[in-house]
Amino acid sequence: ARPDVAGSDIRFGNASARSRMIVVYDLAQALHALVCGTENRTENLLGYFTRFGDAASDIEPITDLYKTEVKAAARVLGLPESVIAKHPTAGLWGGQTDEDELGFTYADADRVLAATFDLGMSPAEAAERAGVDRAVADRVLARAAGVAWKHAVPHTL
């Protein structure tokens, strides 16, 4: 046991996400099923996932959609507005929301990421195209650059 893990929201959250996946994979095995992931393009580019936790899955049907596109698809599919309008949260500790933790909105991030990663724009061009302050664009892109290591699994020496 590691009783000090509860003293850090991040450590506790990561441990919770990994523990949850143990349960989900065991259930999938019992049901002869696959684990369906919910990671979208925004979360992927921002590294907003726990390696070997919520990023673990057998299939990822929405991985090419930005967060705002996922919401639009949910509306087209007729999901309740209460679900669509809910503030995104990993639910790993009380009061946590994705956008508070990230320091910018998903709507702003999506526009900056699309301008940069899909259209090849510079940070200044992306900020202008996205209609956000350059400081917001810089925070989004710094986050994406700072977590790029998460996309290379496993690391070998």
N, C-alpha and C. Protein backbone atom coordinates (compact mmCIF):
# COMPACT_ATOMS: atom_id res chain seq x y z
N ALA A 1 0.85 -1.20 0.00
CA ALA A 1 0.00 0.00 0.00
C ALA A 1 0.88 1.24 0.00
N ARG A 2 0.36 2.29 -0.60
CA ARG A 2 1.07 3.56 -0.68
C ARG A 2 0.15 4.65 -0.13
N PRO A 3 0.08 4.77 1.20
CA PRO A 3 -0.87 5.72 1.79
C PRO A 3 -0.61 7.17 1.43
N ASP A 4 0.62 7.52 1.03
CA ASP A 4 0.90 8.92 0.71
C ASP A 4 0.37 9.33 -0.66
N VAL A 5 -0.10 8.39 -1.48
CA VAL A 5 -0.62 8.72 -2.80
C VAL A 5 -1.84 9.65 -2.71
N ALA A 6 -2.62 9.52 -1.66
CA ALA A 6 -3.82 10.35 -1.49
C ALA A 6 -3.47 11.80 -1.18
N GLY A 7 -2.22 12.09 -0.85
CA GLY A 7 -1.80 13.45 -0.54
C GLY A 7 -1.59 14.31 -1.77
N SER A 8 -1.63 13.74 -2.95
CA SER A 8 -1.43 14.47 -4.20
C SER A 8 -2.60 14.18 -5.14
N ASP A 9 -3.30 15.23 -5.56
CA ASP A 9 -4.42 15.04 -6.48
C ASP A 9 -3.99 14.32 -7.75
N ILE A 10 -2.85 14.72 -8.31
CA ILE A 10 -2.38 14.11 -9.56
C ILE A 10 -2.05 12.64 -9.36
N ARG A 11 -1.30 12.33 -8.31
CA ARG A 11 -0.95 10.93 -8.05
C ARG A 11 -2.19 10.10 -7.77
N PHE A 12 -3.09 10.64 -6.97
CA PHE A 12 -4.32 9.91 -6.65
C PHE A 12 -5.16 9.72 -7.92
N GLY A 13 -5.24 10.76 -8.73
CA GLY A 13 -6.01 10.67 -9.98
C GLY A 13 -5.44 9.63 -10.92
N ASN A 14 -4.13 9.63 -11.09
CA ASN A 14 -3.49 8.64 -11.97
C ASN A 14 -3.68 7.23 -11.43
N ALA A 15 -3.52 7.06 -10.13
CA ALA A 15 -3.72 5.74 -9.53
C ALA A 15 -5.17 5.29 -9.71
N SER A 16 -6.11 6.22 -9.57
CA SER A 16 -7.52 5.89 -9.75
C SER A 16 -7.82 5.48 -11.19
N ALA A 17 -7.26 6.23 -12.16
CA ALA A 17 -7.48 5.89 -13.56
C ALA A 17 -6.92 4.52 -13.90
N ARG A 18 -5.76 4.22 -13.37
CA ARG A 18 -5.14 2.91 -13.63
C ARG A 18 -5.92 1.79 -12.95
N SER A 19 -6.39 2.03 -11.74
CA SER A 19 -7.19 1.04 -11.02
C SER A 19 -8.51 0.78 -11.75
N ARG A 20 -9.11 1.86 -12.25
CA ARG A 20 -10.36 1.73 -13.00
C ARG A 20 -10.16 0.85 -14.22
N MET A 21 -9.03 0.99 -14.89
CA MET A 21 -8.78 0.18 -16.10
C MET A 21 -8.59 -1.29 -15.76
N ILE A 22 -8.04 -1.58 -14.59
CA ILE A 22 -7.93 -2.98 -14.17
C ILE A 22 -9.33 -3.59 -14.09
N VAL A 23 -10.25 -2.85 -13.49
CA VAL A 23 -11.61 -3.34 -13.35
C VAL A 23 -12.29 -3.46 -14.73
N VAL A 24 -12.13 -2.45 -15.56
CA VAL A 24 -12.77 -2.45 -16.88
C VAL A 24 -12.24 -3.60 -17.73
N TYR A 25 -10.93 -3.82 -17.74
CA TYR A 25 -10.36 -4.92 -18.52
C TYR A 25 -10.78 -6.29 -17.98
N ASP A 26 -10.90 -6.40 -16.67
CA ASP A 26 -11.38 -7.66 -16.10
C ASP A 26 -12.83 -7.91 -16.52
N LEU A 27 -13.65 -6.88 -16.48
CA LEU A 27 -15.04 -7.01 -16.92
C LEU A 27 -15.11 -7.38 -18.40
N ALA A 28 -14.28 -6.74 -19.22
CA ALA A 28 -14.26 -7.06 -20.65
C ALA A 28 -13.88 -8.52 -20.87
N GLN A 29 -12.91 -9.00 -20.11
CA GLN A 29 -12.51 -10.40 -20.25
C GLN A 29 -13.65 -11.33 -19.84
N ALA A 30 -14.32 -11.00 -18.75
CA ALA A 30 -15.43 -11.83 -18.29
C ALA A 30 -16.57 -11.87 -19.32
N LEU A 31 -16.76 -10.78 -20.04
CA LEU A 31 -17.85 -10.68 -21.02
C LEU A 31 -17.39 -11.01 -22.44
N HIS A 32 -16.12 -11.38 -22.60
CA HIS A 32 -15.55 -11.62 -23.94
C HIS A 32 -15.79 -10.41 -24.84
N ALA A 33 -15.42 -9.26 -24.31
CA ALA A 33 -15.67 -7.99 -24.98
C ALA A 33 -14.37 -7.21 -25.15
N LEU A 34 -14.48 -6.09 -25.83
CA LEU A 34 -13.36 -5.16 -26.00
C LEU A 34 -13.62 -3.91 -25.16
N VAL A 35 -12.55 -3.27 -24.75
CA VAL A 35 -12.66 -2.01 -24.02
C VAL A 35 -12.68 -0.89 -25.05
N CYS A 36 -13.74 -0.10 -25.00
CA CYS A 36 -13.92 1.03 -25.92
C CYS A 36 -13.42 2.30 -25.24
N GLY A 37 -12.46 2.96 -25.85
CA GLY A 37 -11.91 4.18 -25.29
C GLY A 37 -12.68 5.40 -25.73
N THR A 38 -12.52 6.48 -24.98
CA THR A 38 -13.23 7.73 -25.28
C THR A 38 -12.28 8.90 -25.51
N GLU A 39 -11.01 8.60 -25.74
CA GLU A 39 -10.05 9.69 -25.96
C GLU A 39 -10.31 10.35 -27.31
N ASN A 40 -10.33 11.67 -27.28
CA ASN A 40 -10.52 12.43 -28.51
C ASN A 40 -9.21 13.10 -28.91
N ARG A 41 -9.22 13.74 -30.08
CA ARG A 41 -7.99 14.35 -30.62
C ARG A 41 -7.44 15.44 -29.69
N THR A 42 -8.32 16.22 -29.10
CA THR A 42 -7.88 17.29 -28.20
C THR A 42 -7.13 16.71 -27.01
N GLU A 43 -7.74 15.74 -26.34
CA GLU A 43 -7.10 15.12 -25.18
C GLU A 43 -5.79 14.46 -25.57
N ASN A 44 -5.78 13.84 -26.75
CA ASN A 44 -4.56 13.17 -27.21
C ASN A 44 -3.44 14.18 -27.42
N LEU A 45 -3.71 15.25 -28.17
CA LEU A 45 -2.67 16.24 -28.45
C LEU A 45 -2.20 16.97 -27.18
N LEU A 46 -3.12 17.16 -26.24
CA LEU A 46 -2.76 17.85 -25.00
C LEU A 46 -2.20 16.90 -23.95
N GLY A 47 -2.15 15.60 -24.28
CA GLY A 47 -1.64 14.63 -23.32
C GLY A 47 -2.52 14.54 -22.09
N TYR A 48 -3.79 14.87 -22.25
CA TYR A 48 -4.70 14.88 -21.11
C TYR A 48 -5.30 13.48 -20.92
N PHE A 49 -4.43 12.59 -20.51
CA PHE A 49 -4.81 11.21 -20.25
C PHE A 49 -3.75 10.60 -19.35
N THR A 50 -4.11 9.51 -18.70
CA THR A 50 -3.17 8.79 -17.86
C THR A 50 -2.65 7.61 -18.64
N ARG A 51 -1.34 7.59 -18.86
CA ARG A 51 -0.76 6.43 -19.55
C ARG A 51 -1.06 5.18 -18.75
N PHE A 52 -1.48 4.14 -19.46
CA PHE A 52 -1.81 2.85 -18.86
C PHE A 52 -3.01 2.98 -17.92
N GLY A 53 -3.78 4.04 -18.08
CA GLY A 53 -5.00 4.27 -17.32
C GLY A 53 -6.13 4.49 -18.30
N ASP A 54 -6.69 5.71 -18.32
CA ASP A 54 -7.80 5.97 -19.23
C ASP A 54 -7.38 5.93 -20.69
N ALA A 55 -6.09 5.96 -20.98
CA ALA A 55 -5.62 5.84 -22.37
C ALA A 55 -5.58 4.39 -22.84
N ALA A 56 -5.75 3.45 -21.92
CA ALA A 56 -5.73 2.04 -22.28
C ALA A 56 -7.09 1.64 -22.85
N SER A 57 -7.08 1.05 -24.03
CA SER A 57 -8.33 0.59 -24.64
C SER A 57 -7.98 -0.32 -25.81
N ASP A 58 -9.00 -1.01 -26.28
CA ASP A 58 -8.81 -1.88 -27.44
C ASP A 58 -9.21 -1.18 -28.73
N ILE A 59 -10.20 -0.31 -28.64
CA ILE A 59 -10.64 0.46 -29.80
C ILE A 59 -10.89 1.91 -29.37
N GLU A 60 -10.64 2.84 -30.29
CA GLU A 60 -10.81 4.27 -30.01
C GLU A 60 -11.62 4.90 -31.16
N PRO A 61 -12.94 4.87 -31.07
CA PRO A 61 -13.76 5.34 -32.20
C PRO A 61 -13.79 6.85 -32.42
N ILE A 62 -13.43 7.65 -31.42
CA ILE A 62 -13.53 9.11 -31.60
C ILE A 62 -12.17 9.80 -31.52
N THR A 63 -11.10 9.06 -31.67
CA THR A 63 -9.77 9.62 -31.49
C THR A 63 -9.41 10.68 -32.53
N ASP A 64 -10.11 10.71 -33.66
CA ASP A 64 -9.83 11.71 -34.69
C ASP A 64 -10.68 12.97 -34.54
N LEU A 65 -11.59 12.98 -33.58
CA LEU A 65 -12.47 14.14 -33.40
C LEU A 65 -11.97 15.05 -32.29
N TYR A 66 -11.98 16.35 -32.57
CA TYR A 66 -11.68 17.31 -31.51
C TYR A 66 -12.84 17.32 -30.52
N LYS A 67 -12.58 17.79 -29.31
CA LYS A 67 -13.58 17.80 -28.25
C LYS A 67 -14.87 18.49 -28.70
N THR A 68 -14.75 19.63 -29.39
CA THR A 68 -15.94 20.34 -29.84
C THR A 68 -16.69 19.53 -30.91
N GLU A 69 -15.98 18.74 -31.69
CA GLU A 69 -16.64 17.87 -32.67
C GLU A 69 -17.38 16.72 -31.99
N VAL A 70 -16.83 16.24 -30.89
CA VAL A 70 -17.50 15.20 -30.11
C VAL A 70 -18.83 15.74 -29.59
N LYS A 71 -18.83 16.97 -29.09
CA LYS A 71 -20.08 17.59 -28.61
C LYS A 71 -21.07 17.75 -29.75
N ALA A 72 -20.60 18.17 -30.92
CA ALA A 72 -21.50 18.32 -32.07
C ALA A 72 -22.08 16.97 -32.48
N ALA A 73 -21.26 15.94 -32.47
CA ALA A 73 -21.74 14.59 -32.80
C ALA A 73 -22.77 14.13 -31.78
N ALA A 74 -22.55 14.45 -30.52
CA ALA A 74 -23.50 14.07 -29.47
C ALA A 74 -24.86 14.72 -29.71
N ARG A 75 -24.85 15.97 -30.16
CA ARG A 75 -26.11 16.65 -30.47
C ARG A 75 -26.81 15.98 -31.65
N VAL A 76 -26.06 15.66 -32.69
CA VAL A 76 -26.63 14.99 -33.86
C VAL A 76 -27.23 13.64 -33.47
N LEU A 77 -26.57 12.95 -32.55
CA LEU A 77 -27.05 11.64 -32.11
C LEU A 77 -28.19 11.73 -31.10
N GLY A 78 -28.52 12.95 -30.67
CA GLY A 78 -29.66 13.14 -29.79
C GLY A 78 -29.40 12.88 -28.32
N LEU A 79 -28.14 12.97 -27.89
CA LEU A 79 -27.86 12.80 -26.47
C LEU A 79 -28.49 13.95 -25.68
N PRO A 80 -28.84 13.72 -24.44
CA PRO A 80 -29.46 14.79 -23.63
C PRO A 80 -28.52 15.99 -23.49
N GLU A 81 -29.08 17.18 -23.55
CA GLU A 81 -28.30 18.41 -23.42
C GLU A 81 -27.59 18.45 -22.07
N SER A 82 -28.18 17.86 -21.04
CA SER A 82 -27.54 17.85 -19.72
C SER A 82 -26.20 17.12 -19.76
N VAL A 83 -26.10 16.12 -20.60
CA VAL A 83 -24.83 15.38 -20.77
C VAL A 83 -23.86 16.21 -21.59
N ILE A 84 -24.34 16.81 -22.66
CA ILE A 84 -23.49 17.58 -23.57
C ILE A 84 -22.94 18.83 -22.88
N ALA A 85 -23.76 19.50 -22.10
CA ALA A 85 -23.37 20.77 -21.48
C ALA A 85 -22.55 20.58 -20.20
N LYS A 86 -22.48 19.38 -19.68
CA LYS A 86 -21.75 19.11 -18.44
C LYS A 86 -20.27 19.47 -18.63
N HIS A 87 -19.70 20.11 -17.61
CA HIS A 87 -18.28 20.46 -17.66
C HIS A 87 -17.47 19.17 -17.70
N PRO A 88 -16.57 19.02 -18.67
CA PRO A 88 -15.76 17.80 -18.75
C PRO A 88 -14.89 17.63 -17.51
N THR A 89 -14.91 16.42 -16.99
CA THR A 89 -14.09 16.09 -15.83
C THR A 89 -13.71 14.62 -15.88
N ALA A 90 -12.51 14.34 -15.43
CA ALA A 90 -12.10 12.95 -15.32
C ALA A 90 -12.70 12.32 -14.07
N GLY A 91 -13.27 13.14 -13.19
CA GLY A 91 -13.91 12.64 -11.99
C GLY A 91 -12.95 11.97 -11.02
N LEU A 92 -11.72 12.40 -11.03
CA LEU A 92 -10.71 11.73 -10.21
C LEU A 92 -10.54 12.34 -8.83
N TRP A 93 -10.99 13.58 -8.64
CA TRP A 93 -11.03 14.18 -7.30
C TRP A 93 -12.12 15.24 -7.30
N GLY A 94 -12.64 15.54 -6.15
CA GLY A 94 -13.77 16.44 -6.01
C GLY A 94 -13.53 17.82 -6.59
N GLY A 95 -14.49 18.30 -7.37
CA GLY A 95 -14.43 19.64 -7.93
C GLY A 95 -13.52 19.81 -9.13
N GLN A 96 -12.86 18.75 -9.56
CA GLN A 96 -11.92 18.84 -10.68
C GLN A 96 -12.67 18.98 -11.99
N THR A 97 -12.25 19.93 -12.83
CA THR A 97 -12.73 20.01 -14.21
C THR A 97 -11.51 20.09 -15.12
N ASP A 98 -11.66 19.55 -16.31
CA ASP A 98 -10.55 19.54 -17.26
C ASP A 98 -10.05 20.96 -17.55
N GLU A 99 -10.99 21.85 -17.87
CA GLU A 99 -10.60 23.19 -18.30
C GLU A 99 -9.94 23.99 -17.19
N ASP A 100 -10.40 23.82 -15.96
CA ASP A 100 -9.72 24.49 -14.84
C ASP A 100 -8.30 23.98 -14.70
N GLU A 101 -8.14 22.69 -14.82
CA GLU A 101 -6.82 22.09 -14.68
C GLU A 101 -5.90 22.51 -15.83
N LEU A 102 -6.43 22.56 -17.05
CA LEU A 102 -5.63 22.92 -18.21
C LEU A 102 -5.31 24.42 -18.26
N GLY A 103 -6.23 25.25 -17.81
CA GLY A 103 -6.02 26.69 -17.83
C GLY A 103 -6.51 27.36 -19.11
N PHE A 104 -7.31 26.67 -19.88
CA PHE A 104 -7.94 27.23 -21.09
C PHE A 104 -9.13 26.35 -21.45
N THR A 105 -10.00 26.88 -22.30
CA THR A 105 -11.19 26.12 -22.67
C THR A 105 -10.87 25.15 -23.81
N TYR A 106 -11.67 24.11 -23.89
CA TYR A 106 -11.52 23.18 -25.00
C TYR A 106 -11.83 23.85 -26.33
N ALA A 107 -12.78 24.76 -26.34
CA ALA A 107 -13.12 25.46 -27.59
C ALA A 107 -11.90 26.24 -28.11
N ASP A 108 -11.24 26.98 -27.22
CA ASP A 108 -10.04 27.70 -27.63
C ASP A 108 -8.93 26.73 -28.05
N ALA A 109 -8.74 25.69 -27.26
CA ALA A 109 -7.69 24.72 -27.57
C ALA A 109 -7.94 24.07 -28.93
N ASP A 110 -9.17 23.68 -29.19
CA ASP A 110 -9.48 23.03 -30.47
C ASP A 110 -9.13 23.91 -31.66
N ARG A 111 -9.47 25.18 -31.57
CA ARG A 111 -9.19 26.09 -32.69
C ARG A 111 -7.68 26.27 -32.88
N VAL A 112 -6.96 26.40 -31.78
CA VAL A 112 -5.50 26.56 -31.86
C VAL A 112 -4.84 25.28 -32.37
N LEU A 113 -5.26 24.14 -31.84
CA LEU A 113 -4.67 22.86 -32.26
C LEU A 113 -4.95 22.58 -33.73
N ALA A 114 -6.17 22.82 -34.16
CA ALA A 114 -6.52 22.58 -35.57
C ALA A 114 -5.70 23.49 -36.49
N ALA A 115 -5.57 24.75 -36.11
CA ALA A 115 -4.81 25.69 -36.94
C ALA A 115 -3.34 25.28 -37.01
N THR A 116 -2.81 24.77 -35.91
CA THR A 116 -1.41 24.39 -35.85
C THR A 116 -1.15 23.02 -36.46
N PHE A 117 -1.84 22.00 -35.95
CA PHE A 117 -1.55 20.63 -36.35
C PHE A 117 -2.17 20.25 -37.69
N ASP A 118 -3.34 20.79 -38.00
CA ASP A 118 -4.01 20.42 -39.24
C ASP A 118 -3.69 21.37 -40.40
N LEU A 119 -3.51 22.65 -40.08
CA LEU A 119 -3.27 23.64 -41.13
C LEU A 119 -1.83 24.10 -41.20
N GLY A 120 -1.00 23.67 -40.26
CA GLY A 120 0.42 23.99 -40.29
C GLY A 120 0.75 25.44 -40.01
N MET A 121 -0.09 26.12 -39.30
CA MET A 121 0.15 27.54 -39.01
C MET A 121 1.13 27.73 -37.87
N SER A 122 1.79 28.87 -37.88
CA SER A 122 2.68 29.25 -36.78
C SER A 122 1.82 29.59 -35.56
N PRO A 123 2.42 29.67 -34.38
CA PRO A 123 1.63 30.06 -33.19
C PRO A 123 0.91 31.40 -33.36
N ALA A 124 1.58 32.38 -33.94
CA ALA A 124 0.94 33.69 -34.14
C ALA A 124 -0.24 33.58 -35.10
N GLU A 125 -0.04 32.86 -36.20
CA GLU A 125 -1.13 32.66 -37.16
C GLU A 125 -2.28 31.88 -36.54
N ALA A 126 -1.93 30.87 -35.75
CA ALA A 126 -2.96 30.05 -35.10
C ALA A 126 -3.78 30.88 -34.13
N ALA A 127 -3.12 31.74 -33.35
CA ALA A 127 -3.84 32.60 -32.41
C ALA A 127 -4.81 33.51 -33.15
N GLU A 128 -4.33 34.11 -34.24
CA GLU A 128 -5.19 35.01 -35.01
C GLU A 128 -6.36 34.24 -35.62
N ARG A 129 -6.09 33.11 -36.24
CA ARG A 129 -7.14 32.29 -36.87
C ARG A 129 -8.15 31.80 -35.82
N ALA A 130 -7.64 31.42 -34.64
CA ALA A 130 -8.50 30.89 -33.58
C ALA A 130 -9.27 31.98 -32.85
N GLY A 131 -8.83 33.23 -33.02
CA GLY A 131 -9.50 34.34 -32.34
C GLY A 131 -9.23 34.35 -30.85
N VAL A 132 -8.01 33.92 -30.48
CA VAL A 132 -7.63 33.92 -29.07
C VAL A 132 -6.39 34.77 -28.87
N ASP A 133 -6.18 35.19 -27.65
CA ASP A 133 -4.98 35.93 -27.30
C ASP A 133 -3.76 35.05 -27.55
N ARG A 134 -2.69 35.63 -27.98
CA ARG A 134 -1.47 34.87 -28.26
C ARG A 134 -1.02 34.08 -27.03
N ALA A 135 -1.23 34.63 -25.83
CA ALA A 135 -0.83 33.93 -24.60
C ALA A 135 -1.60 32.62 -24.43
N VAL A 136 -2.86 32.61 -24.83
CA VAL A 136 -3.67 31.38 -24.76
C VAL A 136 -3.11 30.36 -25.74
N ALA A 137 -2.86 30.79 -26.96
CA ALA A 137 -2.29 29.89 -27.97
C ALA A 137 -0.96 29.33 -27.49
N ASP A 138 -0.14 30.18 -26.89
CA ASP A 138 1.16 29.72 -26.39
C ASP A 138 1.00 28.67 -25.29
N ARG A 139 0.02 28.87 -24.38
CA ARG A 139 -0.23 27.89 -23.31
C ARG A 139 -0.69 26.55 -23.89
N VAL A 140 -1.59 26.61 -24.87
CA VAL A 140 -2.08 25.38 -25.51
C VAL A 140 -0.93 24.64 -26.17
N LEU A 141 -0.12 25.36 -26.95
CA LEU A 141 0.97 24.72 -27.68
C LEU A 141 2.10 24.28 -26.77
N ALA A 142 2.33 25.02 -25.68
CA ALA A 142 3.34 24.58 -24.71
C ALA A 142 2.90 23.29 -24.04
N ARG A 143 1.62 23.18 -23.75
CA ARG A 143 1.10 21.94 -23.15
C ARG A 143 1.29 20.78 -24.14
N ALA A 144 0.93 20.99 -25.40
CA ALA A 144 1.07 19.93 -26.41
C ALA A 144 2.53 19.52 -26.56
N ALA A 145 3.44 20.48 -26.60
CA ALA A 145 4.86 20.17 -26.75
C ALA A 145 5.41 19.47 -25.51
N GLY A 146 4.95 19.89 -24.35
CA GLY A 146 5.45 19.34 -23.09
C GLY A 146 5.02 17.92 -22.80
N VAL A 147 4.00 17.46 -23.49
CA VAL A 147 3.50 16.10 -23.25
C VAL A 147 3.68 15.19 -24.46
N ALA A 148 4.42 15.66 -25.45
CA ALA A 148 4.63 14.85 -26.66
C ALA A 148 5.25 13.49 -26.34
N TRP A 149 6.02 13.42 -25.27
CA TRP A 149 6.65 12.16 -24.87
C TRP A 149 5.61 11.08 -24.57
N LYS A 150 4.40 11.47 -24.20
CA LYS A 150 3.37 10.49 -23.87
C LYS A 150 2.95 9.65 -25.08
N HIS A 151 3.26 10.12 -26.26
CA HIS A 151 2.82 9.43 -27.48
C HIS A 151 3.79 8.33 -27.92
N ALA A 152 4.92 8.21 -27.27
CA ALA A 152 5.91 7.18 -27.61
C ALA A 152 5.95 6.16 -26.49
N VAL A 153 5.18 5.09 -26.64
CA VAL A 153 5.09 4.07 -25.61
C VAL A 153 5.39 2.72 -26.25
N PRO A 154 6.17 1.87 -25.69
CA PRO A 154 7.01 2.15 -24.52
C PRO A 154 8.31 2.81 -24.94
N HIS A 155 8.93 3.47 -24.00
CA HIS A 155 10.24 4.05 -24.23
C HIS A 155 11.29 2.95 -24.08
N THR A 156 12.25 2.95 -24.94
CA THR A 156 13.32 1.96 -24.84
C THR A 156 14.63 2.68 -24.63
N LEU A 157 15.55 2.02 -23.96
CA LEU A 157 16.87 2.60 -23.68
C LEU A 157 17.92 1.87 -24.48
